[in-house]
Amino acid sequence: MRSVRKATRALLSALVGFCISLIATSASAQETQIVKEIQSLQWQSYPSIGSIASTARIKLTNDLLFLDASNTRRFLELNGNPPRDKNYALAPRSFDWFAIFAFDPIGYVKDDEQLDPNELLRVLREQNTTGIAERRRLQLPILTLDGWAVVPHYDTETHRLEWGTKLRAEDNQLVVNYTIRILGRSGVMNAVLVSDPQTLSTDIQQFKSALGGFDFSPGEQYAEFRQGDRVAEYGLAALIVGGAAAAAAKSGVLKGLGKLAGGSNIWWHCRYRRAFSGLVRQKKISIGLNLNVPAIRTPTGAQARNKRQTLLKGRGT
């Protein structure tokens, strides 16, 4: 009888081990496929110039890659985000970070408003609750607002409004969305950097360096405003909490903005960015210079085992 129980325990242990191995293999295979799909998107590279909503452009260097709107929609989906149209992606070849651009033609935004970071954070937390409900409905990873990574601030010379939010995933991992709103004559360019908290300072520096190649099209500069141009109904605070809060922001009162905004802020997730960037650093996948569709190298043997470990380690980010 004792030997039967022993044999049963051994069988159960083997089955559990097999199931764990099967789950790990399945997860690895799924993530490998996702990484391949990300790599096969129509990435633009130097000497191409990225066109953003026909309102602005960004010059690419040898280290930068760019996606048009249709490819960015798929890129966002692959990274565990709701699909969105009229967005554009920028990333370094290392894929240590990525940025999403979108132009909002709301008109000329006056930049004479004072910001209250505490009240803005309260409104964003209310929005986050609505955002979580949408992610659950779409069966996407949940992101919970954890606070400011960088307090909102505005530069009157560059006409850039900047702030950073810390977001916590269900596996307790933190991701940072660093947002820059670049004011133009007929609207605002929204640029969101998706980064890790540990590398945020370095990533911000690289991102701002990349923005050195950004420029509005002729006639779209903030300084080119003329009498008679459309003026936005709200100011800087509403750019942080979302344009749907315009009515409340117009009166300068933030209370109640959360309900009006209705979760208009989109926080970007980066589920497979680490897995992808890890493989790039290990040179197991590559993106060729001046190629819109990069080639992929398929590892075998020990390389394949290392690849699975890298993918599993990066899972959930």
Protein backbone atom coordinates (compact mmCIF):
# COMPACT_ATOMS: atom_id res chain seq x y z
CA MET A 1 0.00 0.00 0.00
CA ARG A 2 2.84 2.33 0.93
CA SER A 3 4.54 1.63 -2.38
CA VAL A 4 1.32 2.48 -4.23
CA ARG A 5 1.06 5.85 -2.46
CA LYS A 6 4.70 6.53 -3.21
CA ALA A 7 4.19 5.70 -6.87
CA THR A 8 1.08 7.90 -6.97
CA ARG A 9 2.97 10.85 -5.48
CA ALA A 10 5.76 10.37 -7.99
CA LEU A 11 3.23 10.30 -10.83
CA LEU A 12 1.51 13.45 -9.57
CA SER A 13 4.85 15.20 -9.18
CA ALA A 14 5.77 14.26 -12.74
CA LEU A 15 2.41 15.49 -14.03
CA VAL A 16 2.77 18.81 -12.19
CA GLY A 17 6.27 19.21 -13.60
CA PHE A 18 5.02 18.40 -17.08
CA CYS A 19 2.15 20.91 -16.78
CA ILE A 20 4.50 23.66 -15.59
CA SER A 21 6.88 22.88 -18.43
CA LEU A 22 3.98 22.86 -20.90
CA ILE A 23 2.71 26.23 -19.65
CA ALA A 24 6.21 27.72 -19.79
CA THR A 25 6.75 26.37 -23.29
CA SER A 26 3.36 27.67 -24.42
CA ALA A 27 4.07 31.12 -22.93
CA SER A 28 7.50 31.15 -24.52
CA ALA A 29 6.09 30.18 -27.91
CA GLN A 30 3.40 32.87 -27.67
CA GLU A 31 5.89 35.57 -26.70
CA THR A 32 8.31 34.48 -29.40
CA GLN A 33 5.53 34.88 -31.95
CA ILE A 34 4.64 38.32 -30.55
CA VAL A 35 8.27 39.42 -30.76
CA LYS A 36 8.45 38.22 -34.37
CA GLU A 37 5.30 40.16 -35.21
CA ILE A 38 6.69 43.33 -33.62
CA GLN A 39 9.86 42.94 -35.61
CA SER A 40 8.03 42.32 -38.88
CA LEU A 41 6.09 45.60 -38.71
CA GLN A 42 6.95 48.18 -41.37
CA TRP A 43 9.61 50.05 -39.38
CA GLN A 44 10.98 53.13 -41.11
CA SER A 45 14.65 54.02 -40.59
CA TYR A 46 17.24 56.61 -41.60
CA PRO A 47 17.29 58.41 -44.00
CA SER A 48 13.48 58.36 -43.90
CA ILE A 49 11.60 61.19 -42.18
CA GLY A 50 8.63 60.20 -40.04
CA SER A 51 5.44 62.07 -40.95
CA ILE A 52 3.04 62.65 -38.04
CA ALA A 53 -0.55 63.42 -39.02
CA SER A 54 0.70 65.63 -41.89
CA THR A 55 1.15 68.32 -39.22
CA ALA A 56 4.68 67.54 -38.07
CA ARG A 57 7.66 65.39 -38.87
CA ILE A 58 10.61 63.82 -37.10
CA LYS A 59 14.01 63.24 -38.66
CA LEU A 60 15.38 59.77 -37.95
CA THR A 61 18.97 59.03 -37.00
CA ASN A 62 20.73 55.68 -37.49
CA ASP A 63 19.56 54.66 -34.02
CA LEU A 64 15.85 55.49 -34.41
CA LEU A 65 12.90 53.61 -35.94
CA PHE A 66 9.42 54.90 -36.77
CA LEU A 67 5.98 53.40 -37.47
CA ASP A 68 3.09 54.98 -39.36
CA ALA A 69 -0.46 55.00 -37.99
CA SER A 70 -1.62 51.57 -39.24
CA ASN A 71 1.52 49.81 -38.00
CA THR A 72 1.41 51.64 -34.67
CA ARG A 73 -2.14 50.42 -34.10
CA ARG A 74 -0.90 46.84 -34.39
CA PHE A 75 2.21 47.60 -32.30
CA LEU A 76 0.04 48.86 -29.45
CA GLU A 77 -2.16 45.76 -29.60
CA LEU A 78 0.85 43.46 -29.51
CA ASN A 79 2.06 45.22 -26.36
CA GLY A 80 -1.23 44.69 -24.53
CA ASN A 81 -2.89 48.06 -25.24
CA PRO A 82 -6.28 49.05 -26.67
CA PRO A 83 -6.02 49.63 -30.43
CA ARG A 84 -5.97 53.32 -31.31
CA ASP A 85 -5.96 55.07 -34.69
CA LYS A 86 -3.91 58.13 -35.68
CA ASN A 87 -0.99 57.25 -33.42
CA TYR A 88 2.67 57.01 -34.45
CA ALA A 89 5.51 55.09 -32.76
CA LEU A 90 9.16 55.96 -32.28
CA ALA A 91 11.78 53.62 -30.75
CA PRO A 92 15.54 53.20 -30.57
CA ARG A 93 17.01 50.09 -32.19
CA SER A 94 17.72 48.72 -28.71
CA PHE A 95 13.98 48.94 -27.87
CA ASP A 96 14.90 50.04 -24.34
CA TRP A 97 11.93 52.44 -24.61
CA PHE A 98 9.33 53.54 -27.10
CA ALA A 99 7.22 56.67 -27.62
CA ILE A 100 3.74 57.22 -29.02
CA PHE A 101 2.82 60.43 -30.90
CA ALA A 102 -0.68 61.73 -31.64
CA PHE A 103 -1.82 65.17 -32.80
CA ASP A 104 -4.94 66.76 -31.28
CA PRO A 105 -6.30 69.59 -33.50
CA ILE A 106 -7.97 71.47 -30.64
CA GLY A 107 -6.68 74.89 -31.63
CA TYR A 108 -4.21 77.29 -30.05
CA VAL A 109 -3.78 76.59 -26.31
CA LYS A 110 -3.02 79.62 -24.13
CA ASP A 111 -0.15 78.83 -21.77
CA ASP A 112 -0.79 81.29 -18.92
CA GLU A 113 -2.43 78.80 -16.51
CA GLN A 114 -0.94 77.81 -13.12
CA LEU A 115 -0.83 74.06 -12.37
CA ASP A 116 -1.82 72.30 -9.11
CA PRO A 117 -0.04 68.88 -9.13
CA ASN A 118 -1.99 67.51 -6.13
CA GLU A 119 -5.39 68.27 -7.64
CA LEU A 120 -4.30 66.99 -11.03
CA LEU A 121 -3.18 63.69 -9.48
CA ARG A 122 -6.52 63.31 -7.72
CA VAL A 123 -8.33 63.71 -11.05
CA LEU A 124 -6.02 61.25 -12.78
CA ARG A 125 -6.69 58.64 -10.08
CA GLU A 126 -10.43 58.96 -10.78
CA GLN A 127 -9.75 58.53 -14.48
CA ASN A 128 -7.61 55.49 -13.78
CA THR A 129 -10.57 53.72 -12.19
CA THR A 130 -12.52 54.09 -15.44
CA GLY A 131 -9.48 52.99 -17.43
CA ILE A 132 -9.15 49.82 -15.39
CA ALA A 133 -12.77 48.93 -16.16
CA GLU A 134 -12.10 49.34 -19.90
CA ARG A 135 -8.98 47.16 -19.73
CA ARG A 136 -10.91 44.43 -17.90
CA ARG A 137 -13.61 44.57 -20.56
CA LEU A 138 -10.99 44.21 -23.29
CA GLN A 139 -9.14 41.52 -21.28
CA LEU A 140 -5.97 43.60 -21.27
CA PRO A 141 -3.33 43.92 -18.52
CA ILE A 142 -4.46 46.13 -15.64
CA LEU A 143 -2.46 49.29 -14.88
CA THR A 144 -2.96 51.17 -11.60
CA LEU A 145 -1.78 54.75 -11.20
CA ASP A 146 0.92 54.84 -8.51
CA GLY A 147 1.71 58.57 -8.46
CA TRP A 148 3.97 61.11 -10.13
CA ALA A 149 7.31 60.03 -11.55
CA VAL A 150 7.86 63.63 -12.67
CA VAL A 151 5.68 66.51 -11.41
CA PRO A 152 3.97 68.53 -14.21
CA HIS A 153 5.95 71.53 -15.45
CA TYR A 154 5.79 73.86 -18.46
CA ASP A 155 8.66 75.43 -20.42
CA THR A 156 7.65 78.80 -21.87
CA GLU A 157 10.56 78.81 -24.34
CA THR A 158 9.98 75.40 -25.95
CA HIS A 159 6.20 75.47 -25.34
CA ARG A 160 6.41 71.95 -23.90
CA LEU A 161 4.25 70.70 -21.04
CA GLU A 162 5.85 67.66 -19.37
CA TRP A 163 5.00 65.17 -16.63
CA GLY A 164 5.50 61.51 -15.76
CA THR A 165 3.20 58.95 -14.12
CA LYS A 166 4.15 55.71 -12.40
CA LEU A 167 1.88 52.76 -13.22
CA ARG A 168 1.80 49.43 -11.41
CA ALA A 169 0.90 46.23 -13.27
CA GLU A 170 -0.86 43.23 -11.72
CA ASP A 171 2.49 41.49 -11.20
CA ASN A 172 3.57 44.53 -9.12
CA GLN A 173 5.98 45.69 -11.80
CA LEU A 174 6.26 49.44 -12.39
CA VAL A 175 6.25 51.18 -15.76
CA VAL A 176 6.55 54.92 -16.36
CA ASN A 177 4.64 56.94 -18.94
CA TYR A 178 6.50 60.23 -19.47
CA THR A 179 4.32 62.66 -21.40
CA ILE A 180 5.27 65.74 -23.40
CA ARG A 181 2.62 68.00 -24.91
CA ILE A 182 4.14 70.20 -27.60
CA LEU A 183 1.98 73.22 -28.29
CA GLY A 184 1.44 74.24 -31.91
CA ARG A 185 -0.57 76.83 -33.80
CA SER A 186 -3.61 74.65 -34.50
CA GLY A 187 -3.35 72.06 -31.75
CA VAL A 188 -1.14 69.96 -29.52
CA MET A 189 1.26 67.12 -30.31
CA ASN A 190 1.03 64.45 -27.64
CA ALA A 191 4.21 62.43 -27.15
CA VAL A 192 4.30 59.67 -24.51
CA LEU A 193 7.52 57.91 -23.56
CA VAL A 194 7.07 54.37 -22.18
CA SER A 195 9.98 53.47 -19.92
CA ASP A 196 11.15 51.55 -16.85
CA PRO A 197 11.54 53.50 -13.57
CA GLN A 198 15.13 52.21 -13.24
CA THR A 199 16.17 53.71 -16.59
CA LEU A 200 13.82 56.70 -16.69
CA SER A 201 16.49 59.43 -16.49
CA THR A 202 18.55 57.88 -19.28
CA ASP A 203 15.48 57.18 -21.41
CA ILE A 204 14.19 60.75 -21.00
CA GLN A 205 17.56 62.09 -22.15
CA GLN A 206 17.52 59.82 -25.21
CA PHE A 207 13.89 60.69 -25.95
CA LYS A 208 14.51 64.44 -25.70
CA SER A 209 17.56 64.02 -27.90
CA ALA A 210 15.34 62.27 -30.46
CA LEU A 211 12.88 65.17 -30.21
CA GLY A 212 15.67 67.38 -31.50
CA GLY A 213 14.63 66.07 -34.91
CA PHE A 214 10.94 66.94 -34.32
CA ASP A 215 9.37 70.00 -35.88
CA PHE A 216 5.93 71.23 -36.81
CA SER A 217 5.26 71.78 -40.49
CA PRO A 218 5.66 75.34 -41.84
CA GLY A 219 2.76 77.48 -40.61
CA GLU A 220 2.04 75.17 -37.65
CA GLN A 221 4.53 76.61 -35.13
CA TYR A 222 3.13 77.98 -31.85
CA ALA A 223 4.75 81.37 -32.52
CA GLU A 224 2.93 81.60 -35.88
CA PHE A 225 -0.45 82.22 -34.22
CA ARG A 226 -2.50 84.92 -35.92
CA GLN A 227 -5.64 86.78 -34.90
CA GLY A 228 -8.63 84.82 -36.15
CA ASP A 229 -7.04 81.41 -35.54
CA ARG A 230 -9.08 78.92 -33.56
CA VAL A 231 -8.33 79.10 -29.82
CA ALA A 232 -8.82 76.06 -27.58
CA GLU A 233 -11.53 76.27 -24.92
CA TYR A 234 -9.17 75.12 -22.16
CA GLY A 235 -5.60 75.45 -20.93
CA LEU A 236 -2.64 73.46 -19.64
CA ALA A 237 -4.40 71.58 -16.82
CA ALA A 238 -6.90 69.99 -19.21
CA LEU A 239 -4.03 68.79 -21.40
CA ILE A 240 -2.93 66.66 -18.46
CA VAL A 241 -6.30 65.33 -17.31
CA GLY A 242 -7.84 65.03 -20.78
CA GLY A 243 -9.62 67.23 -23.28
CA ALA A 244 -13.08 65.97 -22.35
CA ALA A 245 -12.72 68.05 -19.18
CA ALA A 246 -12.73 71.27 -21.18
CA ALA A 247 -15.91 72.71 -19.66
CA ALA A 248 -14.60 72.56 -16.11
CA ALA A 249 -11.08 73.62 -17.04
CA LYS A 250 -12.43 76.63 -18.91
CA SER A 251 -13.68 78.09 -15.63
CA GLY A 252 -10.39 77.32 -13.91
CA VAL A 253 -12.02 74.88 -11.50
CA LEU A 254 -10.61 71.34 -11.40
CA LYS A 255 -13.10 69.83 -8.97
CA GLY A 256 -15.31 67.36 -10.77
CA LEU A 257 -12.93 67.08 -13.68
CA GLY A 258 -12.55 63.34 -13.18
CA LYS A 259 -16.19 62.65 -13.97
CA LEU A 260 -16.13 64.92 -17.00
CA ALA A 261 -12.90 63.50 -18.33
CA GLY A 262 -14.31 59.99 -18.37
CA GLY A 263 -10.95 58.26 -18.55
CA SER A 264 -9.77 60.16 -21.61
CA ASN A 265 -6.15 59.56 -20.60
CA ILE A 266 -4.59 56.47 -22.18
CA TRP A 267 -1.77 54.81 -20.27
CA TRP A 268 0.44 52.65 -22.46
CA HIS A 269 1.61 49.20 -21.43
CA CYS A 270 4.84 47.57 -22.64
CA ARG A 271 4.27 43.86 -22.06
CA TYR A 272 6.87 42.60 -24.54
CA ARG A 273 9.29 45.52 -24.72
CA ARG A 274 11.79 43.95 -22.29
CA ALA A 275 11.66 40.61 -24.03
CA PHE A 276 12.24 42.30 -27.36
CA SER A 277 15.02 44.62 -26.14
CA GLY A 278 16.71 41.70 -24.35
CA LEU A 279 16.89 39.72 -27.57
CA VAL A 280 18.19 42.75 -29.47
CA ARG A 281 20.99 43.21 -26.92
CA GLN A 282 21.86 39.50 -27.15
CA LYS A 283 21.89 39.88 -30.96
CA LYS A 284 19.40 37.03 -31.36
CA ILE A 285 17.22 39.29 -33.46
CA SER A 286 18.35 42.25 -35.48
CA ILE A 287 16.95 45.22 -37.29
CA GLY A 288 19.03 45.99 -40.35
CA LEU A 289 20.06 49.50 -41.29
CA ASN A 290 17.90 51.17 -43.93
CA LEU A 291 15.46 48.25 -44.03
CA ASN A 292 11.75 48.76 -43.53
CA VAL A 293 11.15 45.05 -42.88
CA PRO A 294 14.03 43.74 -40.74
CA ALA A 295 15.39 40.21 -40.94
CA ILE A 296 15.21 37.75 -38.05
CA ARG A 297 17.70 35.13 -36.96
CA THR A 298 16.22 32.01 -35.39
CA PRO A 299 18.37 30.61 -32.53
CA THR A 300 18.82 26.90 -32.01
CA GLY A 301 20.12 24.64 -29.24
CA ALA A 302 21.59 26.54 -26.28
CA GLN A 303 20.59 29.83 -27.91
CA ALA A 304 16.97 28.73 -27.98
CA ARG A 305 17.06 27.85 -24.28
CA ASN A 306 18.58 31.24 -23.44
CA LYS A 307 15.93 32.90 -25.58
CA ARG A 308 13.12 31.19 -23.65
CA GLN A 309 14.66 32.28 -20.36
CA THR A 310 14.91 35.86 -21.58
CA LEU A 311 11.31 35.88 -22.80
CA LEU A 312 9.96 34.36 -19.57
CA LYS A 313 11.96 36.82 -17.49
CA GLY A 314 10.53 39.70 -19.46
CA ARG A 315 6.96 38.39 -19.31
CA GLY A 316 4.33 40.74 -17.98
CA THR A 317 6.24 43.95 -18.54
